[in-house]
Amino acid sequence: MTNEQAQTIAAKVVAAVAPDIDPGTVEVSARLREDLDLDSLDFLNIVEAVHDETGVDIPEADYPLITSIATLASYLAGRTAAHT
């Protein structure tokens, strides 16, 4: 998966979990919790939606690596590249 594809998926997942967020107007560097006001349950829903969409599991130890749409996309691209 390219970073661009991963970014599209990351934005789609965040928008699905928080429908009041328009991925077309949100900066990919916006912090999920601080800037987008997502709580821990929203974050867990993002992790689950990522798995449903891509099959990629995000272990709890990696949660601190996922702070924005951009870091989620980078994580996805890295994880899928490692499995191809």
N, C-alpha and C. Protein backbone atom coordinates (compact mmCIF):
# COMPACT_ATOMS: atom_id res chain seq x y z
N MET A 1 0.85 -1.18 0.00
CA MET A 1 0.00 0.00 0.00
C MET A 1 0.89 1.24 0.00
N THR A 2 0.57 2.17 -0.88
CA THR A 2 1.34 3.41 -0.91
C THR A 2 0.90 4.31 0.23
N ASN A 3 1.71 5.31 0.53
CA ASN A 3 1.35 6.25 1.58
C ASN A 3 0.08 7.01 1.20
N GLU A 4 -0.09 7.32 -0.09
CA GLU A 4 -1.29 8.02 -0.54
C GLU A 4 -2.54 7.15 -0.32
N GLN A 5 -2.45 5.88 -0.66
CA GLN A 5 -3.57 4.97 -0.42
C GLN A 5 -3.86 4.86 1.08
N ALA A 6 -2.81 4.75 1.86
CA ALA A 6 -2.97 4.64 3.31
C ALA A 6 -3.59 5.92 3.88
N GLN A 7 -3.21 7.06 3.35
CA GLN A 7 -3.77 8.32 3.82
C GLN A 7 -5.27 8.41 3.50
N THR A 8 -5.65 7.92 2.32
CA THR A 8 -7.06 7.90 1.95
C THR A 8 -7.85 7.01 2.91
N ILE A 9 -7.30 5.85 3.20
CA ILE A 9 -7.96 4.92 4.13
C ILE A 9 -8.03 5.52 5.53
N ALA A 10 -6.94 6.11 5.98
CA ALA A 10 -6.91 6.71 7.32
C ALA A 10 -7.96 7.81 7.45
N ALA A 11 -8.05 8.67 6.44
CA ALA A 11 -9.04 9.75 6.47
C ALA A 11 -10.46 9.18 6.44
N LYS A 12 -10.67 8.15 5.66
CA LYS A 12 -11.99 7.50 5.56
C LYS A 12 -12.39 6.90 6.91
N VAL A 13 -11.46 6.23 7.56
CA VAL A 13 -11.74 5.60 8.85
C VAL A 13 -12.05 6.65 9.91
N VAL A 14 -11.27 7.71 9.95
CA VAL A 14 -11.51 8.77 10.94
C VAL A 14 -12.87 9.41 10.69
N ALA A 15 -13.21 9.65 9.43
CA ALA A 15 -14.51 10.25 9.10
C ALA A 15 -15.66 9.32 9.46
N ALA A 16 -15.45 8.02 9.33
CA ALA A 16 -16.50 7.05 9.69
C ALA A 16 -16.73 7.02 11.20
N VAL A 17 -15.66 7.16 11.95
CA VAL A 17 -15.77 7.13 13.42
C VAL A 17 -16.31 8.46 13.95
N ALA A 18 -15.91 9.54 13.31
CA ALA A 18 -16.35 10.88 13.73
C ALA A 18 -16.96 11.58 12.52
N PRO A 19 -18.23 11.30 12.23
CA PRO A 19 -18.84 11.83 11.01
C PRO A 19 -18.92 13.35 10.94
N ASP A 20 -18.77 14.03 12.07
CA ASP A 20 -18.78 15.49 12.04
C ASP A 20 -17.45 16.07 11.54
N ILE A 21 -16.46 15.20 11.33
CA ILE A 21 -15.16 15.64 10.81
C ILE A 21 -15.16 15.44 9.30
N ASP A 22 -14.89 16.51 8.57
CA ASP A 22 -14.81 16.45 7.12
C ASP A 22 -13.35 16.21 6.73
N PRO A 23 -13.03 15.01 6.24
CA PRO A 23 -11.63 14.72 5.92
C PRO A 23 -11.07 15.61 4.82
N GLY A 24 -11.94 16.23 4.03
CA GLY A 24 -11.48 17.13 2.99
C GLY A 24 -10.98 18.46 3.52
N THR A 25 -11.39 18.81 4.73
CA THR A 25 -10.97 20.09 5.29
C THR A 25 -10.04 19.95 6.48
N VAL A 26 -9.85 18.73 6.95
CA VAL A 26 -8.98 18.50 8.12
C VAL A 26 -7.55 18.28 7.64
N GLU A 27 -6.64 18.97 8.27
CA GLU A 27 -5.22 18.76 7.98
C GLU A 27 -4.82 17.36 8.42
N VAL A 28 -4.04 16.67 7.61
CA VAL A 28 -3.62 15.32 7.99
C VAL A 28 -2.72 15.33 9.22
N SER A 29 -2.15 16.48 9.52
CA SER A 29 -1.29 16.59 10.71
C SER A 29 -2.08 16.91 11.97
N ALA A 30 -3.40 17.12 11.84
CA ALA A 30 -4.22 17.42 13.02
C ALA A 30 -4.17 16.24 13.98
N ARG A 31 -3.92 16.55 15.24
CA ARG A 31 -3.83 15.50 16.26
C ARG A 31 -5.22 14.96 16.57
N LEU A 32 -5.33 13.64 16.59
CA LEU A 32 -6.63 13.00 16.77
C LEU A 32 -7.32 13.41 18.06
N ARG A 33 -6.60 13.35 19.15
CA ARG A 33 -7.22 13.64 20.44
C ARG A 33 -7.29 15.13 20.73
N GLU A 34 -6.21 15.83 20.53
CA GLU A 34 -6.15 17.24 20.91
C GLU A 34 -6.89 18.14 19.94
N ASP A 35 -6.67 17.98 18.63
CA ASP A 35 -7.25 18.89 17.65
C ASP A 35 -8.63 18.45 17.17
N LEU A 36 -8.84 17.14 17.07
CA LEU A 36 -10.11 16.63 16.55
C LEU A 36 -11.07 16.20 17.66
N ASP A 37 -10.62 16.31 18.90
CA ASP A 37 -11.45 15.99 20.08
C ASP A 37 -11.95 14.55 20.10
N LEU A 38 -11.16 13.62 19.62
CA LEU A 38 -11.54 12.22 19.69
C LEU A 38 -11.12 11.66 21.04
N ASP A 39 -11.97 10.85 21.64
CA ASP A 39 -11.64 10.28 22.94
C ASP A 39 -11.11 8.86 22.76
N SER A 40 -10.84 8.19 23.86
CA SER A 40 -10.23 6.86 23.80
C SER A 40 -11.14 5.84 23.12
N LEU A 41 -12.45 5.96 23.32
CA LEU A 41 -13.37 5.06 22.64
C LEU A 41 -13.36 5.30 21.13
N ASP A 42 -13.31 6.56 20.72
CA ASP A 42 -13.18 6.87 19.29
C ASP A 42 -11.91 6.25 18.73
N PHE A 43 -10.82 6.36 19.49
CA PHE A 43 -9.55 5.81 19.03
C PHE A 43 -9.65 4.30 18.85
N LEU A 44 -10.27 3.62 19.81
CA LEU A 44 -10.44 2.17 19.69
C LEU A 44 -11.31 1.81 18.49
N ASN A 45 -12.31 2.64 18.22
CA ASN A 45 -13.14 2.43 17.03
C ASN A 45 -12.34 2.62 15.75
N ILE A 46 -11.39 3.55 15.76
CA ILE A 46 -10.50 3.74 14.61
C ILE A 46 -9.64 2.50 14.41
N VAL A 47 -9.08 1.99 15.50
CA VAL A 47 -8.24 0.78 15.42
C VAL A 47 -9.05 -0.38 14.84
N GLU A 48 -10.28 -0.55 15.32
CA GLU A 48 -11.14 -1.62 14.82
C GLU A 48 -11.50 -1.41 13.35
N ALA A 49 -11.82 -0.18 12.98
CA ALA A 49 -12.17 0.12 11.59
C ALA A 49 -10.99 -0.08 10.65
N VAL A 50 -9.79 0.24 11.12
CA VAL A 50 -8.58 0.00 10.31
C VAL A 50 -8.44 -1.49 10.05
N HIS A 51 -8.65 -2.29 11.08
CA HIS A 51 -8.55 -3.74 10.90
C HIS A 51 -9.61 -4.23 9.92
N ASP A 52 -10.84 -3.76 10.08
CA ASP A 52 -11.92 -4.18 9.18
C ASP A 52 -11.62 -3.78 7.73
N GLU A 53 -11.06 -2.60 7.55
CA GLU A 53 -10.80 -2.07 6.21
C GLU A 53 -9.57 -2.68 5.55
N THR A 54 -8.54 -2.95 6.36
CA THR A 54 -7.26 -3.35 5.77
C THR A 54 -6.74 -4.71 6.24
N GLY A 55 -7.26 -5.21 7.34
CA GLY A 55 -6.74 -6.44 7.92
C GLY A 55 -5.51 -6.21 8.79
N VAL A 56 -5.10 -4.96 8.93
CA VAL A 56 -3.93 -4.62 9.74
C VAL A 56 -4.35 -4.49 11.20
N ASP A 57 -3.68 -5.25 12.06
CA ASP A 57 -3.89 -5.13 13.50
C ASP A 57 -2.93 -4.10 14.05
N ILE A 58 -3.42 -3.25 14.92
CA ILE A 58 -2.57 -2.27 15.59
C ILE A 58 -2.52 -2.70 17.06
N PRO A 59 -1.38 -3.24 17.50
CA PRO A 59 -1.28 -3.65 18.90
C PRO A 59 -1.28 -2.44 19.83
N GLU A 60 -1.77 -2.66 21.02
CA GLU A 60 -1.86 -1.57 22.00
C GLU A 60 -0.52 -0.87 22.22
N ALA A 61 0.56 -1.61 22.13
CA ALA A 61 1.88 -1.01 22.32
C ALA A 61 2.19 0.04 21.26
N ASP A 62 1.52 -0.05 20.11
CA ASP A 62 1.76 0.91 19.03
C ASP A 62 0.80 2.10 19.05
N TYR A 63 -0.17 2.12 19.93
CA TYR A 63 -1.13 3.21 19.99
C TYR A 63 -0.45 4.59 20.09
N PRO A 64 0.61 4.73 20.90
CA PRO A 64 1.25 6.05 20.98
C PRO A 64 1.84 6.54 19.64
N LEU A 65 2.04 5.63 18.70
CA LEU A 65 2.57 6.02 17.39
C LEU A 65 1.51 6.66 16.50
N ILE A 66 0.24 6.46 16.85
CA ILE A 66 -0.88 6.94 16.05
C ILE A 66 -1.43 8.20 16.70
N THR A 67 -0.98 9.34 16.22
CA THR A 67 -1.41 10.60 16.82
C THR A 67 -2.19 11.49 15.85
N SER A 68 -2.15 11.17 14.57
CA SER A 68 -2.82 11.99 13.56
C SER A 68 -3.19 11.12 12.36
N ILE A 69 -3.91 11.68 11.43
CA ILE A 69 -4.22 10.95 10.20
C ILE A 69 -2.92 10.61 9.48
N ALA A 70 -1.98 11.54 9.47
CA ALA A 70 -0.70 11.32 8.80
C ALA A 70 0.08 10.17 9.43
N THR A 71 0.13 10.12 10.76
CA THR A 71 0.89 9.04 11.40
C THR A 71 0.18 7.71 11.26
N LEU A 72 -1.15 7.73 11.24
CA LEU A 72 -1.91 6.51 10.99
C LEU A 72 -1.62 6.00 9.58
N ALA A 73 -1.61 6.90 8.61
CA ALA A 73 -1.32 6.52 7.23
C ALA A 73 0.09 5.97 7.10
N SER A 74 1.03 6.61 7.72
CA SER A 74 2.41 6.14 7.68
C SER A 74 2.53 4.76 8.31
N TYR A 75 1.85 4.57 9.42
CA TYR A 75 1.85 3.27 10.11
C TYR A 75 1.28 2.21 9.20
N LEU A 76 0.13 2.49 8.57
CA LEU A 76 -0.50 1.53 7.67
C LEU A 76 0.40 1.19 6.49
N ALA A 77 0.98 2.19 5.88
CA ALA A 77 1.86 1.98 4.73
C ALA A 77 3.05 1.12 5.15
N GLY A 78 3.61 1.39 6.31
CA GLY A 78 4.75 0.62 6.80
C GLY A 78 4.40 -0.82 7.12
N ARG A 79 3.24 -1.01 7.73
CA ARG A 79 2.81 -2.36 8.10
C ARG A 79 2.46 -3.19 6.88
N THR A 80 1.82 -2.58 5.89
CA THR A 80 1.44 -3.34 4.70
C THR A 80 2.67 -3.61 3.82
N ALA A 81 3.62 -2.70 3.84
CA ALA A 81 4.85 -2.92 3.06
C ALA A 81 5.66 -4.07 3.66
N ALA A 82 5.60 -4.20 4.98
CA ALA A 82 6.33 -5.26 5.65
C ALA A 82 5.75 -6.64 5.36
N HIS A 83 4.47 -6.68 4.94
CA HIS A 83 3.79 -7.95 4.70
C HIS A 83 3.66 -8.29 3.23
N THR A 84 4.27 -7.50 2.36
CA THR A 84 4.18 -7.79 0.93
C THR A 84 5.44 -8.39 0.40
